[in-house]
Amino acid sequence: QVQLVESGGGLVQPGGSLRLSCAASGSMFSILVMGWYRQVPGKQRDLVASITNGGRARYADSVKGRFTISRENAKNTVYLQMNSLKPEDTAVYYCNAVSGNYDIFWGQGTQVTVSS
């Protein structure tokens, strides 16, 4: 089992920045990919960014050039640096981890609100 705890959400003005953190614990040896998803009410949960154990990252087109995902393996922590935030980035952001057996783990989510 893997436990994921997100932090760093909040209210920010358009054009501002936030950094989300996801602290992982448990059977981390089995985890191959970690990522961030987001969801707004009434819509599906969509991938924002993911990063492999080898450091390969991929991003949703809507956040390329504005968001950066990174991981600090020694701390079992994944970050999402979000710059140039837009109102349409408003959502609940969820941390995600996928094991080599394709088990999927989720955090509890953290709210990000971009509004003036």
PDB file of N, CA and C in Angstrom:
ATOM      1  N   GLN A   1       0.825  -1.196   0.000  1.00  0.00           N
ATOM      2  CA  GLN A   1       0.000   0.000   0.000  1.00  0.00           C
ATOM      3  C   GLN A   1       0.866   1.255   0.000  1.00  0.00           C
ATOM      4  N   VAL A   2       0.323   2.293  -0.595  1.00  0.00           N
ATOM      5  CA  VAL A   2       0.993   3.589  -0.664  1.00  0.00           C
ATOM      6  C   VAL A   2       0.017   4.651  -0.188  1.00  0.00           C
ATOM      7  N   GLN A   3       0.511   5.542   0.656  1.00  0.00           N
ATOM      8  CA  GLN A   3      -0.299   6.661   1.129  1.00  0.00           C
ATOM      9  C   GLN A   3       0.251   7.957   0.544  1.00  0.00           C
ATOM     10  N   LEU A   4      -0.652   8.803   0.089  1.00  0.00           N
ATOM     11  CA  LEU A   4      -0.276  10.059  -0.548  1.00  0.00           C
ATOM     12  C   LEU A   4      -0.975  11.207   0.171  1.00  0.00           C
ATOM     13  N   VAL A   5      -0.216  12.237   0.518  1.00  0.00           N
ATOM     14  CA  VAL A   5      -0.780  13.398   1.200  1.00  0.00           C
ATOM     15  C   VAL A   5      -0.366  14.657   0.454  1.00  0.00           C
ATOM     16  N   GLU A   6      -1.360  15.366  -0.083  1.00  0.00           N
ATOM     17  CA  GLU A   6      -1.089  16.597  -0.815  1.00  0.00           C
ATOM     18  C   GLU A   6      -1.125  17.804   0.113  1.00  0.00           C
ATOM     19  N   SER A   7      -0.418  18.851  -0.285  1.00  0.00           N
ATOM     20  CA  SER A   7      -0.465  20.130   0.403  1.00  0.00           C
ATOM     21  C   SER A   7      -0.094  21.227  -0.580  1.00  0.00           C
ATOM     22  N   GLY A   8      -0.398  22.464  -0.203  1.00  0.00           N
ATOM     23  CA  GLY A   8       0.035  23.599  -0.999  1.00  0.00           C
ATOM     24  C   GLY A   8      -1.049  24.283  -1.804  1.00  0.00           C
ATOM     25  N   GLY A   9      -2.263  23.757  -1.770  1.00  0.00           N
ATOM     26  CA  GLY A   9      -3.338  24.423  -2.492  1.00  0.00           C
ATOM     27  C   GLY A   9      -3.756  25.717  -1.818  1.00  0.00           C
ATOM     28  N   GLY A  10      -4.644  26.452  -2.492  1.00  0.00           N
ATOM     29  CA  GLY A  10      -5.132  27.692  -1.914  1.00  0.00           C
ATOM     30  C   GLY A  10      -5.716  28.607  -2.956  1.00  0.00           C
ATOM     31  N   LEU A  11      -5.895  29.859  -2.564  1.00  0.00           N
ATOM     32  CA  LEU A  11      -6.442  30.885  -3.443  1.00  0.00           C
ATOM     33  C   LEU A  11      -5.319  31.768  -3.959  1.00  0.00           C
ATOM     34  N   VAL A  12      -5.313  31.983  -5.264  1.00  0.00           N
ATOM     35  CA  VAL A  12      -4.277  32.815  -5.870  1.00  0.00           C
ATOM     36  C   VAL A  12      -4.909  33.644  -6.979  1.00  0.00           C
ATOM     37  N   GLN A  13      -4.358  34.809  -7.238  1.00  0.00           N
ATOM     38  CA  GLN A  13      -4.863  35.672  -8.307  1.00  0.00           C
ATOM     39  C   GLN A  13      -4.367  35.185  -9.657  1.00  0.00           C
ATOM     40  N   PRO A  14      -5.095  35.478 -10.716  1.00  0.00           N
ATOM     41  CA  PRO A  14      -4.618  35.133 -12.058  1.00  0.00           C
ATOM     42  C   PRO A  14      -3.218  35.684 -12.297  1.00  0.00           C
ATOM     43  N   GLY A  15      -2.375  34.846 -12.913  1.00  0.00           N
ATOM     44  CA  GLY A  15      -0.993  35.214 -13.131  1.00  0.00           C
ATOM     45  C   GLY A  15      -0.061  34.829 -11.999  1.00  0.00           C
ATOM     46  N   GLY A  16      -0.621  34.395 -10.895  1.00  0.00           N
ATOM     47  CA  GLY A  16       0.183  34.020  -9.741  1.00  0.00           C
ATOM     48  C   GLY A  16       0.718  32.607  -9.822  1.00  0.00           C
ATOM     49  N   SER A  17       1.374  32.193  -8.738  1.00  0.00           N
ATOM     50  CA  SER A  17       2.016  30.884  -8.686  1.00  0.00           C
ATOM     51  C   SER A  17       1.656  30.154  -7.402  1.00  0.00           C
ATOM     52  N   LEU A  18       1.675  28.836  -7.499  1.00  0.00           N
ATOM     53  CA  LEU A  18       1.529  27.955  -6.339  1.00  0.00           C
ATOM     54  C   LEU A  18       2.413  26.745  -6.552  1.00  0.00           C
ATOM     55  N   ARG A  19       2.848  26.138  -5.463  1.00  0.00           N
ATOM     56  CA  ARG A  19       3.559  24.871  -5.560  1.00  0.00           C
ATOM     57  C   ARG A  19       2.829  23.844  -4.709  1.00  0.00           C
ATOM     58  N   LEU A  20       2.427  22.770  -5.349  1.00  0.00           N
ATOM     59  CA  LEU A  20       1.807  21.652  -4.663  1.00  0.00           C
ATOM     60  C   LEU A  20       2.863  20.615  -4.314  1.00  0.00           C
ATOM     61  N   SER A  21       2.670  19.991  -3.166  1.00  0.00           N
ATOM     62  CA  SER A  21       3.560  18.913  -2.742  1.00  0.00           C
ATOM     63  C   SER A  21       2.744  17.658  -2.479  1.00  0.00           C
ATOM     64  N   CYS A  22       3.344  16.517  -2.749  1.00  0.00           N
ATOM     65  CA  CYS A  22       2.713  15.227  -2.475  1.00  0.00           C
ATOM     66  C   CYS A  22       3.739  14.356  -1.765  1.00  0.00           C
ATOM     67  N   ALA A  23       3.487  14.106  -0.493  1.00  0.00           N
ATOM     68  CA  ALA A  23       4.376  13.259   0.291  1.00  0.00           C
ATOM     69  C   ALA A  23       3.858  11.831   0.264  1.00  0.00           C
ATOM     70  N   ALA A  24       4.701  10.918  -0.154  1.00  0.00           N
ATOM     71  CA  ALA A  24       4.306   9.518  -0.278  1.00  0.00           C
ATOM     72  C   ALA A  24       4.963   8.677   0.798  1.00  0.00           C
ATOM     73  N   SER A  25       4.264   7.643   1.232  1.00  0.00           N
ATOM     74  CA  SER A  25       4.815   6.708   2.202  1.00  0.00           C
ATOM     75  C   SER A  25       4.254   5.327   1.908  1.00  0.00           C
ATOM     76  N   GLY A  26       4.907   4.316   2.471  1.00  0.00           N
ATOM     77  CA  GLY A  26       4.462   2.950   2.242  1.00  0.00           C
ATOM     78  C   GLY A  26       5.405   2.227   1.306  1.00  0.00           C
ATOM     79  N   SER A  27       4.834   1.376   0.478  1.00  0.00           N
ATOM     80  CA  SER A  27       5.622   0.501  -0.407  1.00  0.00           C
ATOM     81  C   SER A  27       6.076   1.254  -1.654  1.00  0.00           C
ATOM     82  N   MET A  28       6.935   2.227  -1.452  1.00  0.00           N
ATOM     83  CA  MET A  28       7.349   3.081  -2.557  1.00  0.00           C
ATOM     84  C   MET A  28       8.210   2.354  -3.575  1.00  0.00           C
ATOM     85  N   PHE A  29       8.815   1.223  -3.184  1.00  0.00           N
ATOM     86  CA  PHE A  29       9.690   0.508  -4.105  1.00  0.00           C
ATOM     87  C   PHE A  29       8.928   0.026  -5.328  1.00  0.00           C
ATOM     88  N   SER A  30       7.612  -0.119  -5.184  1.00  0.00           N
ATOM     89  CA  SER A  30       6.791  -0.648  -6.270  1.00  0.00           C
ATOM     90  C   SER A  30       6.282   0.438  -7.221  1.00  0.00           C
ATOM     91  N   ILE A  31       6.484   1.685  -6.870  1.00  0.00           N
ATOM     92  CA  ILE A  31       5.906   2.786  -7.652  1.00  0.00           C
ATOM     93  C   ILE A  31       6.782   3.121  -8.854  1.00  0.00           C
ATOM     94  N   LEU A  32       6.153   3.176 -10.034  1.00  0.00           N
ATOM     95  CA  LEU A  32       6.879   3.498 -11.253  1.00  0.00           C
ATOM     96  C   LEU A  32       6.637   4.934 -11.720  1.00  0.00           C
ATOM     97  N   VAL A  33       5.411   5.389 -11.557  1.00  0.00           N
ATOM     98  CA  VAL A  33       5.035   6.711 -12.063  1.00  0.00           C
ATOM     99  C   VAL A  33       4.242   7.444 -10.990  1.00  0.00           C
ATOM    100  N   MET A  34       4.498   8.735 -10.865  1.00  0.00           N
ATOM    101  CA  MET A  34       3.668   9.576 -10.003  1.00  0.00           C
ATOM    102  C   MET A  34       3.202  10.766 -10.820  1.00  0.00           C
ATOM    103  N   GLY A  35       2.059  11.291 -10.422  1.00  0.00           N
ATOM    104  CA  GLY A  35       1.530  12.389 -11.214  1.00  0.00           C
ATOM    105  C   GLY A  35       0.510  13.213 -10.466  1.00  0.00           C
ATOM    106  N   TRP A  36       0.021  14.209 -11.174  1.00  0.00           N
ATOM    107  CA  TRP A  36      -1.026  15.085 -10.671  1.00  0.00           C
ATOM    108  C   TRP A  36      -2.188  15.076 -11.658  1.00  0.00           C
ATOM    109  N   TYR A  37      -3.373  14.967 -11.105  1.00  0.00           N
ATOM    110  CA  TYR A  37      -4.607  15.066 -11.865  1.00  0.00           C
ATOM    111  C   TYR A  37      -5.431  16.199 -11.266  1.00  0.00           C
ATOM    112  N   ARG A  38      -6.415  16.667 -12.018  1.00  0.00           N
ATOM    113  CA  ARG A  38      -7.326  17.672 -11.475  1.00  0.00           C
ATOM    114  C   ARG A  38      -8.744  17.395 -11.932  1.00  0.00           C
ATOM    115  N   GLN A  39      -9.668  17.881 -11.117  1.00  0.00           N
ATOM    116  CA  GLN A  39     -11.076  17.616 -11.384  1.00  0.00           C
ATOM    117  C   GLN A  39     -11.919  18.796 -10.930  1.00  0.00           C
ATOM    118  N   VAL A  40     -12.856  19.177 -11.803  1.00  0.00           N
ATOM    119  CA  VAL A  40     -13.856  20.174 -11.454  1.00  0.00           C
ATOM    120  C   VAL A  40     -15.194  19.464 -11.341  1.00  0.00           C
ATOM    121  N   PRO A  41     -16.125  20.044 -10.576  1.00  0.00           N
ATOM    122  CA  PRO A  41     -17.416  19.368 -10.374  1.00  0.00           C
ATOM    123  C   PRO A  41     -18.113  19.051 -11.693  1.00  0.00           C
ATOM    124  N   GLY A  42     -18.591  17.814 -11.806  1.00  0.00           N
ATOM    125  CA  GLY A  42     -19.336  17.406 -12.979  1.00  0.00           C
ATOM    126  C   GLY A  42     -18.496  16.945 -14.146  1.00  0.00           C
ATOM    127  N   LYS A  43     -17.162  16.974 -13.975  1.00  0.00           N
ATOM    128  CA  LYS A  43     -16.286  16.561 -15.064  1.00  0.00           C
ATOM    129  C   LYS A  43     -15.357  15.445 -14.600  1.00  0.00           C
ATOM    130  N   GLN A  44     -14.735  14.786 -15.569  1.00  0.00           N
ATOM    131  CA  GLN A  44     -13.839  13.696 -15.223  1.00  0.00           C
ATOM    132  C   GLN A  44     -12.526  14.246 -14.688  1.00  0.00           C
ATOM    133  N   ARG A  45     -11.802  13.349 -14.028  1.00  0.00           N
ATOM    134  CA  ARG A  45     -10.489  13.697 -13.507  1.00  0.00           C
ATOM    135  C   ARG A  45      -9.474  13.579 -14.645  1.00  0.00           C
ATOM    136  N   ASP A  46      -8.745  14.650 -14.903  1.00  0.00           N
ATOM    137  CA  ASP A  46      -7.823  14.697 -16.030  1.00  0.00           C
ATOM    138  C   ASP A  46      -6.372  14.776 -15.575  1.00  0.00           C
ATOM    139  N   LEU A  47      -5.506  14.165 -16.368  1.00  0.00           N
ATOM    140  CA  LEU A  47      -4.077  14.231 -16.094  1.00  0.00           C
ATOM    141  C   LEU A  47      -3.565  15.653 -16.313  1.00  0.00           C
ATOM    142  N   VAL A  48      -2.774  16.127 -15.354  1.00  0.00           N
ATOM    143  CA  VAL A  48      -2.084  17.409 -15.497  1.00  0.00           C
ATOM    144  C   VAL A  48      -0.630  17.178 -15.879  1.00  0.00           C
ATOM    145  N   ALA A  49       0.046  16.333 -15.112  1.00  0.00           N
ATOM    146  CA  ALA A  49       1.454  16.040 -15.366  1.00  0.00           C
ATOM    147  C   ALA A  49       1.815  14.734 -14.671  1.00  0.00           C
ATOM    148  N   SER A  50       2.807  14.043 -15.212  1.00  0.00           N
ATOM    149  CA  SER A  50       3.296  12.823 -14.579  1.00  0.00           C
ATOM    150  C   SER A  50       4.804  12.752 -14.749  1.00  0.00           C
ATOM    151  N   ILE A  51       5.430  11.945 -13.894  1.00  0.00           N
ATOM    152  CA  ILE A  51       6.878  11.787 -13.954  1.00  0.00           C
ATOM    153  C   ILE A  51       7.231  10.360 -13.576  1.00  0.00           C
ATOM    154  N   THR A  52       8.130   9.766 -14.341  1.00  0.00           N
ATOM    155  CA  THR A  52       8.543   8.397 -14.079  1.00  0.00           C
ATOM    156  C   THR A  52       9.695   8.360 -13.081  1.00  0.00           C
ATOM    157  N   ASN A  53      10.038   7.150 -12.659  1.00  0.00           N
ATOM    158  CA  ASN A  53      11.192   6.993 -11.763  1.00  0.00           C
ATOM    159  C   ASN A  53      12.457   7.529 -12.398  1.00  0.00           C
ATOM    160  N   GLY A  54      12.526   7.439 -13.707  1.00  0.00           N
ATOM    161  CA  GLY A  54      13.711   7.925 -14.411  1.00  0.00           C
ATOM    162  C   GLY A  54      13.695   9.421 -14.677  1.00  0.00           C
ATOM    163  N   GLY A  55      12.620  10.079 -14.253  1.00  0.00           N
ATOM    164  CA  GLY A  55      12.568  11.530 -14.405  1.00  0.00           C
ATOM    165  C   GLY A  55      11.914  12.023 -15.688  1.00  0.00           C
ATOM    166  N   ARG A  56      11.339  11.090 -16.465  1.00  0.00           N
ATOM    167  CA  ARG A  56      10.681  11.521 -17.706  1.00  0.00           C
ATOM    168  C   ARG A  56       9.318  12.112 -17.345  1.00  0.00           C
ATOM    169  N   ALA A  57       9.091  13.331 -17.799  1.00  0.00           N
ATOM    170  CA  ALA A  57       7.847  14.035 -17.483  1.00  0.00           C
ATOM    171  C   ALA A  57       6.996  14.225 -18.727  1.00  0.00           C
ATOM    172  N   ARG A  58       5.706  14.270 -18.501  1.00  0.00           N
ATOM    173  CA  ARG A  58       4.792  14.658 -19.578  1.00  0.00           C
ATOM    174  C   ARG A  58       3.688  15.519 -18.994  1.00  0.00           C
ATOM    175  N   TYR A  59       3.139  16.366 -19.881  1.00  0.00           N
ATOM    176  CA  TYR A  59       2.192  17.373 -19.437  1.00  0.00           C
ATOM    177  C   TYR A  59       0.964  17.417 -20.332  1.00  0.00           C
ATOM    178  N   ALA A  60      -0.142  17.824 -19.745  1.00  0.00           N
ATOM    179  CA  ALA A  60      -1.310  18.149 -20.550  1.00  0.00           C
ATOM    180  C   ALA A  60      -0.990  19.386 -21.378  1.00  0.00           C
ATOM    181  N   ASP A  61      -1.532  19.456 -22.578  1.00  0.00           N
ATOM    182  CA  ASP A  61      -1.251  20.596 -23.453  1.00  0.00           C
ATOM    183  C   ASP A  61      -1.617  21.920 -22.788  1.00  0.00           C
ATOM    184  N   SER A  62      -2.658  21.910 -21.975  1.00  0.00           N
ATOM    185  CA  SER A  62      -3.154  23.152 -21.378  1.00  0.00           C
ATOM    186  C   SER A  62      -2.202  23.749 -20.345  1.00  0.00           C
ATOM    187  N   VAL A  63      -1.230  22.955 -19.869  1.00  0.00           N
ATOM    188  CA  VAL A  63      -0.332  23.466 -18.825  1.00  0.00           C
ATOM    189  C   VAL A  63       1.122  23.517 -19.277  1.00  0.00           C
ATOM    190  N   LYS A  64       1.402  23.047 -20.484  1.00  0.00           N
ATOM    191  CA  LYS A  64       2.789  23.060 -20.963  1.00  0.00           C
ATOM    192  C   LYS A  64       3.338  24.478 -20.963  1.00  0.00           C
ATOM    193  N   GLY A  65       4.561  24.599 -20.451  1.00  0.00           N
ATOM    194  CA  GLY A  65       5.201  25.894 -20.392  1.00  0.00           C
ATOM    195  C   GLY A  65       4.855  26.700 -19.155  1.00  0.00           C
ATOM    196  N   ARG A  66       3.853  26.248 -18.403  1.00  0.00           N
ATOM    197  CA  ARG A  66       3.453  26.964 -17.187  1.00  0.00           C
ATOM    198  C   ARG A  66       3.675  26.132 -15.927  1.00  0.00           C
ATOM    199  N   PHE A  67       3.471  24.823 -16.036  1.00  0.00           N
ATOM    200  CA  PHE A  67       3.607  23.932 -14.886  1.00  0.00           C
ATOM    201  C   PHE A  67       4.863  23.081 -15.034  1.00  0.00           C
ATOM    202  N   THR A  68       5.470  22.752 -13.902  1.00  0.00           N
ATOM    203  CA  THR A  68       6.625  21.871 -13.897  1.00  0.00           C
ATOM    204  C   THR A  68       6.468  20.827 -12.794  1.00  0.00           C
ATOM    205  N   ILE A  69       6.591  19.567 -13.169  1.00  0.00           N
ATOM    206  CA  ILE A  69       6.545  18.485 -12.192  1.00  0.00           C
ATOM    207  C   ILE A  69       7.964  18.039 -11.879  1.00  0.00           C
ATOM    208  N   SER A  70       8.207  17.732 -10.624  1.00  0.00           N
ATOM    209  CA  SER A  70       9.526  17.254 -10.219  1.00  0.00           C
ATOM    210  C   SER A  70       9.355  16.289  -9.043  1.00  0.00           C
ATOM    211  N   ARG A  71      10.386  15.537  -8.781  1.00  0.00           N
ATOM    212  CA  ARG A  71      10.320  14.608  -7.661  1.00  0.00           C
ATOM    213  C   ARG A  71      11.638  14.603  -6.902  1.00  0.00           C
ATOM    214  N   GLU A  72      11.531  14.436  -5.619  1.00  0.00           N
ATOM    215  CA  GLU A  72      12.689  14.351  -4.742  1.00  0.00           C
ATOM    216  C   GLU A  72      12.656  12.964  -4.128  1.00  0.00           C
ATOM    217  N   ASN A  73      13.387  12.046  -4.720  1.00  0.00           N
ATOM    218  CA  ASN A  73      13.287  10.639  -4.343  1.00  0.00           C
ATOM    219  C   ASN A  73      13.679  10.395  -2.891  1.00  0.00           C
ATOM    220  N   ALA A  74      14.658  11.139  -2.393  1.00  0.00           N
ATOM    221  CA  ALA A  74      15.109  10.926  -1.018  1.00  0.00           C
ATOM    222  C   ALA A  74      13.998  11.222  -0.017  1.00  0.00           C
ATOM    223  N   LYS A  75      13.084  12.102  -0.404  1.00  0.00           N
ATOM    224  CA  LYS A  75      11.972  12.469   0.480  1.00  0.00           C
ATOM    225  C   LYS A  75      10.654  11.844   0.048  1.00  0.00           C
ATOM    226  N   ASN A  76      10.699  11.027  -1.016  1.00  0.00           N
ATOM    227  CA  ASN A  76       9.455  10.436  -1.547  1.00  0.00           C
ATOM    228  C   ASN A  76       8.390  11.506  -1.764  1.00  0.00           C
ATOM    229  N   THR A  77       8.804  12.590  -2.373  1.00  0.00           N
ATOM    230  CA  THR A  77       7.901  13.725  -2.562  1.00  0.00           C
ATOM    231  C   THR A  77       7.903  14.149  -4.026  1.00  0.00           C
ATOM    232  N   VAL A  78       6.713  14.448  -4.509  1.00  0.00           N
ATOM    233  CA  VAL A  78       6.542  14.975  -5.857  1.00  0.00           C
ATOM    234  C   VAL A  78       5.965  16.382  -5.753  1.00  0.00           C
ATOM    235  N   TYR A  79       6.440  17.267  -6.597  1.00  0.00           N
ATOM    236  CA  TYR A  79       6.006  18.655  -6.583  1.00  0.00           C
ATOM    237  C   TYR A  79       5.355  19.019  -7.916  1.00  0.00           C
ATOM    238  N   LEU A  80       4.483  19.988  -7.845  1.00  0.00           N
ATOM    239  CA  LEU A  80       3.936  20.593  -9.051  1.00  0.00           C
ATOM    240  C   LEU A  80       4.037  22.101  -8.893  1.00  0.00           C
ATOM    241  N   GLN A  81       4.975  22.686  -9.621  1.00  0.00           N
ATOM    242  CA  GLN A  81       5.126  24.136  -9.622  1.00  0.00           C
ATOM    243  C   GLN A  81       4.202  24.699 -10.688  1.00  0.00           C
ATOM    244  N   MET A  82       3.298  25.548 -10.278  1.00  0.00           N
ATOM    245  CA  MET A  82       2.303  26.111 -11.187  1.00  0.00           C
ATOM    246  C   MET A  82       2.508  27.616 -11.293  1.00  0.00           C
ATOM    247  N   ASN A  83       2.850  28.074 -12.475  1.00  0.00           N
ATOM    248  CA  ASN A  83       3.072  29.495 -12.733  1.00  0.00           C
ATOM    249  C   ASN A  83       2.040  30.006 -13.730  1.00  0.00           C
ATOM    250  N   SER A  84       1.915  31.324 -13.796  1.00  0.00           N
ATOM    251  CA  SER A  84       0.985  31.962 -14.740  1.00  0.00           C
ATOM    252  C   SER A  84      -0.400  31.330 -14.659  1.00  0.00           C
ATOM    253  N   LEU A  85      -0.878  31.194 -13.449  1.00  0.00           N
ATOM    254  CA  LEU A  85      -2.151  30.507 -13.244  1.00  0.00           C
ATOM    255  C   LEU A  85      -3.313  31.277 -13.861  1.00  0.00           C
ATOM    256  N   LYS A  86      -4.275  30.505 -14.362  1.00  0.00           N
ATOM    257  CA  LYS A  86      -5.457  31.061 -15.008  1.00  0.00           C
ATOM    258  C   LYS A  86      -6.712  30.593 -14.249  1.00  0.00           C
ATOM    259  N   PRO A  87      -7.800  31.329 -14.379  1.00  0.00           N
ATOM    260  CA  PRO A  87      -9.033  30.885 -13.709  1.00  0.00           C
ATOM    261  C   PRO A  87      -9.434  29.459 -14.088  1.00  0.00           C
ATOM    262  N   GLU A  88      -9.143  29.064 -15.313  1.00  0.00           N
ATOM    263  CA  GLU A  88      -9.509  27.714 -15.750  1.00  0.00           C
ATOM    264  C   GLU A  88      -8.652  26.630 -15.114  1.00  0.00           C
ATOM    265  N   ASP A  89      -7.621  27.016 -14.372  1.00  0.00           N
ATOM    266  CA  ASP A  89      -6.838  26.031 -13.616  1.00  0.00           C
ATOM    267  C   ASP A  89      -7.511  25.684 -12.291  1.00  0.00           C
ATOM    268  N   THR A  90      -8.565  26.392 -11.949  1.00  0.00           N
ATOM    269  CA  THR A  90      -9.282  26.112 -10.715  1.00  0.00           C
ATOM    270  C   THR A  90      -9.833  24.700 -10.719  1.00  0.00           C
ATOM    271  N   ALA A  91      -9.494  23.940  -9.675  1.00  0.00           N
ATOM    272  CA  ALA A  91      -9.915  22.541  -9.592  1.00  0.00           C
ATOM    273  C   ALA A  91      -9.411  21.957  -8.278  1.00  0.00           C
ATOM    274  N   VAL A  92      -9.857  20.743  -7.992  1.00  0.00           N
ATOM    275  CA  VAL A  92      -9.232  19.960  -6.936  1.00  0.00           C
ATOM    276  C   VAL A  92      -8.108  19.159  -7.591  1.00  0.00           C
ATOM    277  N   TYR A  93      -6.934  19.273  -7.050  1.00  0.00           N
ATOM    278  CA  TYR A  93      -5.756  18.602  -7.593  1.00  0.00           C
ATOM    279  C   TYR A  93      -5.454  17.359  -6.741  1.00  0.00           C
ATOM    280  N   TYR A  94      -5.278  16.235  -7.434  1.00  0.00           N
ATOM    281  CA  TYR A  94      -5.038  14.956  -6.776  1.00  0.00           C
ATOM    282  C   TYR A  94      -3.665  14.406  -7.155  1.00  0.00           C
ATOM    283  N   CYS A  95      -2.959  13.936  -6.166  1.00  0.00           N
ATOM    284  CA  CYS A  95      -1.712  13.220  -6.402  1.00  0.00           C
ATOM    285  C   CYS A  95      -2.036  11.764  -6.719  1.00  0.00           C
ATOM    286  N   ASN A  96      -1.228  11.170  -7.584  1.00  0.00           N
ATOM    287  CA  ASN A  96      -1.487   9.821  -8.079  1.00  0.00           C
ATOM    288  C   ASN A  96      -0.183   9.040  -8.143  1.00  0.00           C
ATOM    289  N   ALA A  97      -0.262   7.755  -7.844  1.00  0.00           N
ATOM    290  CA  ALA A  97       0.905   6.880  -7.978  1.00  0.00           C
ATOM    291  C   ALA A  97       0.461   5.563  -8.594  1.00  0.00           C
ATOM    292  N   VAL A  98       1.292   5.034  -9.485  1.00  0.00           N
ATOM    293  CA  VAL A  98       0.973   3.779 -10.161  1.00  0.00           C
ATOM    294  C   VAL A  98       2.126   2.805  -9.940  1.00  0.00           C
ATOM    295  N   SER A  99       1.769   1.592  -9.507  1.00  0.00           N
ATOM    296  CA  SER A  99       2.798   0.593  -9.240  1.00  0.00           C
ATOM    297  C   SER A  99       3.082  -0.243 -10.483  1.00  0.00           C
ATOM    298  N   GLY A 100       4.097  -1.076 -10.367  1.00  0.00           N
ATOM    299  CA  GLY A 100       4.426  -1.967 -11.465  1.00  0.00           C
ATOM    300  C   GLY A 100       3.338  -2.999 -11.730  1.00  0.00           C
ATOM    301  N   ASN A 101       2.482  -3.244 -10.736  1.00  0.00           N
ATOM    302  CA  ASN A 101       1.342  -4.146 -10.921  1.00  0.00           C
ATOM    303  C   ASN A 101       0.094  -3.396 -11.380  1.00  0.00           C
ATOM    304  N   TYR A 102       0.277  -2.115 -11.705  1.00  0.00           N
ATOM    305  CA  TYR A 102      -0.813  -1.246 -12.149  1.00  0.00           C
ATOM    306  C   TYR A 102      -1.831  -0.979 -11.054  1.00  0.00           C
ATOM    307  N   ASP A 103      -1.419  -1.117  -9.787  1.00  0.00           N
ATOM    308  CA  ASP A 103      -2.243  -0.614  -8.699  1.00  0.00           C
ATOM    309  C   ASP A 103      -2.174   0.908  -8.735  1.00  0.00           C
ATOM    310  N   ILE A 104      -3.309   1.544  -8.489  1.00  0.00           N
ATOM    311  CA  ILE A 104      -3.373   3.002  -8.552  1.00  0.00           C
ATOM    312  C   ILE A 104      -3.746   3.541  -7.179  1.00  0.00           C
ATOM    313  N   PHE A 105      -2.995   4.536  -6.755  1.00  0.00           N
ATOM    314  CA  PHE A 105      -3.213   5.140  -5.449  1.00  0.00           C
ATOM    315  C   PHE A 105      -3.496   6.626  -5.633  1.00  0.00           C
ATOM    316  N   TRP A 106      -4.368   7.160  -4.771  1.00  0.00           N
ATOM    317  CA  TRP A 106      -4.756   8.566  -4.835  1.00  0.00           C
ATOM    318  C   TRP A 106      -4.625   9.243  -3.486  1.00  0.00           C
ATOM    319  N   GLY A 107      -4.283  10.516  -3.526  1.00  0.00           N
ATOM    320  CA  GLY A 107      -4.345  11.333  -2.340  1.00  0.00           C
ATOM    321  C   GLY A 107      -5.751  11.849  -2.135  1.00  0.00           C
ATOM    322  N   GLN A 108      -5.922  12.660  -1.095  1.00  0.00           N
ATOM    323  CA  GLN A 108      -7.254  13.152  -0.745  1.00  0.00           C
ATOM    324  C   GLN A 108      -7.646  14.387  -1.539  1.00  0.00           C
ATOM    325  N   GLY A 109      -6.692  15.003  -2.203  1.00  0.00           N
ATOM    326  CA  GLY A 109      -6.966  16.180  -3.017  1.00  0.00           C
ATOM    327  C   GLY A 109      -6.732  17.482  -2.277  1.00  0.00           C
ATOM    328  N   THR A 110      -6.373  18.499  -3.042  1.00  0.00           N
ATOM    329  CA  THR A 110      -6.184  19.834  -2.490  1.00  0.00           C
ATOM    330  C   THR A 110      -6.790  20.839  -3.468  1.00  0.00           C
ATOM    331  N   GLN A 111      -7.530  21.796  -2.928  1.00  0.00           N
ATOM    332  CA  GLN A 111      -8.238  22.762  -3.761  1.00  0.00           C
ATOM    333  C   GLN A 111      -7.305  23.876  -4.219  1.00  0.00           C
ATOM    334  N   VAL A 112      -7.363  24.169  -5.501  1.00  0.00           N
ATOM    335  CA  VAL A 112      -6.669  25.322  -6.074  1.00  0.00           C
ATOM    336  C   VAL A 112      -7.730  26.219  -6.701  1.00  0.00           C
ATOM    337  N   THR A 113      -7.766  27.464  -6.259  1.00  0.00           N
ATOM    338  CA  THR A 113      -8.721  28.436  -6.791  1.00  0.00           C
ATOM    339  C   THR A 113      -7.964  29.639  -7.330  1.00  0.00           C
ATOM    340  N   VAL A 114      -8.192  29.934  -8.605  1.00  0.00           N
ATOM    341  CA  VAL A 114      -7.546  31.076  -9.248  1.00  0.00           C
ATOM    342  C   VAL A 114      -8.623  32.114  -9.531  1.00  0.00           C
ATOM    343  N   SER A 115      -8.569  33.196  -8.796  1.00  0.00           N
ATOM    344  CA  SER A 115      -9.624  34.199  -8.906  1.00  0.00           C
ATOM    345  C   SER A 115      -9.116  35.535  -8.391  1.00  0.00           C
ATOM    346  N   SER A 116      -9.637  36.601  -9.004  1.00  0.00           N
ATOM    347  CA  SER A 116      -9.296  37.938  -8.529  1.00  0.00           C
ATOM    348  C   SER A 116     -10.328  38.431  -7.519  1.00  0.00           C
TER     349      SER A 116
END
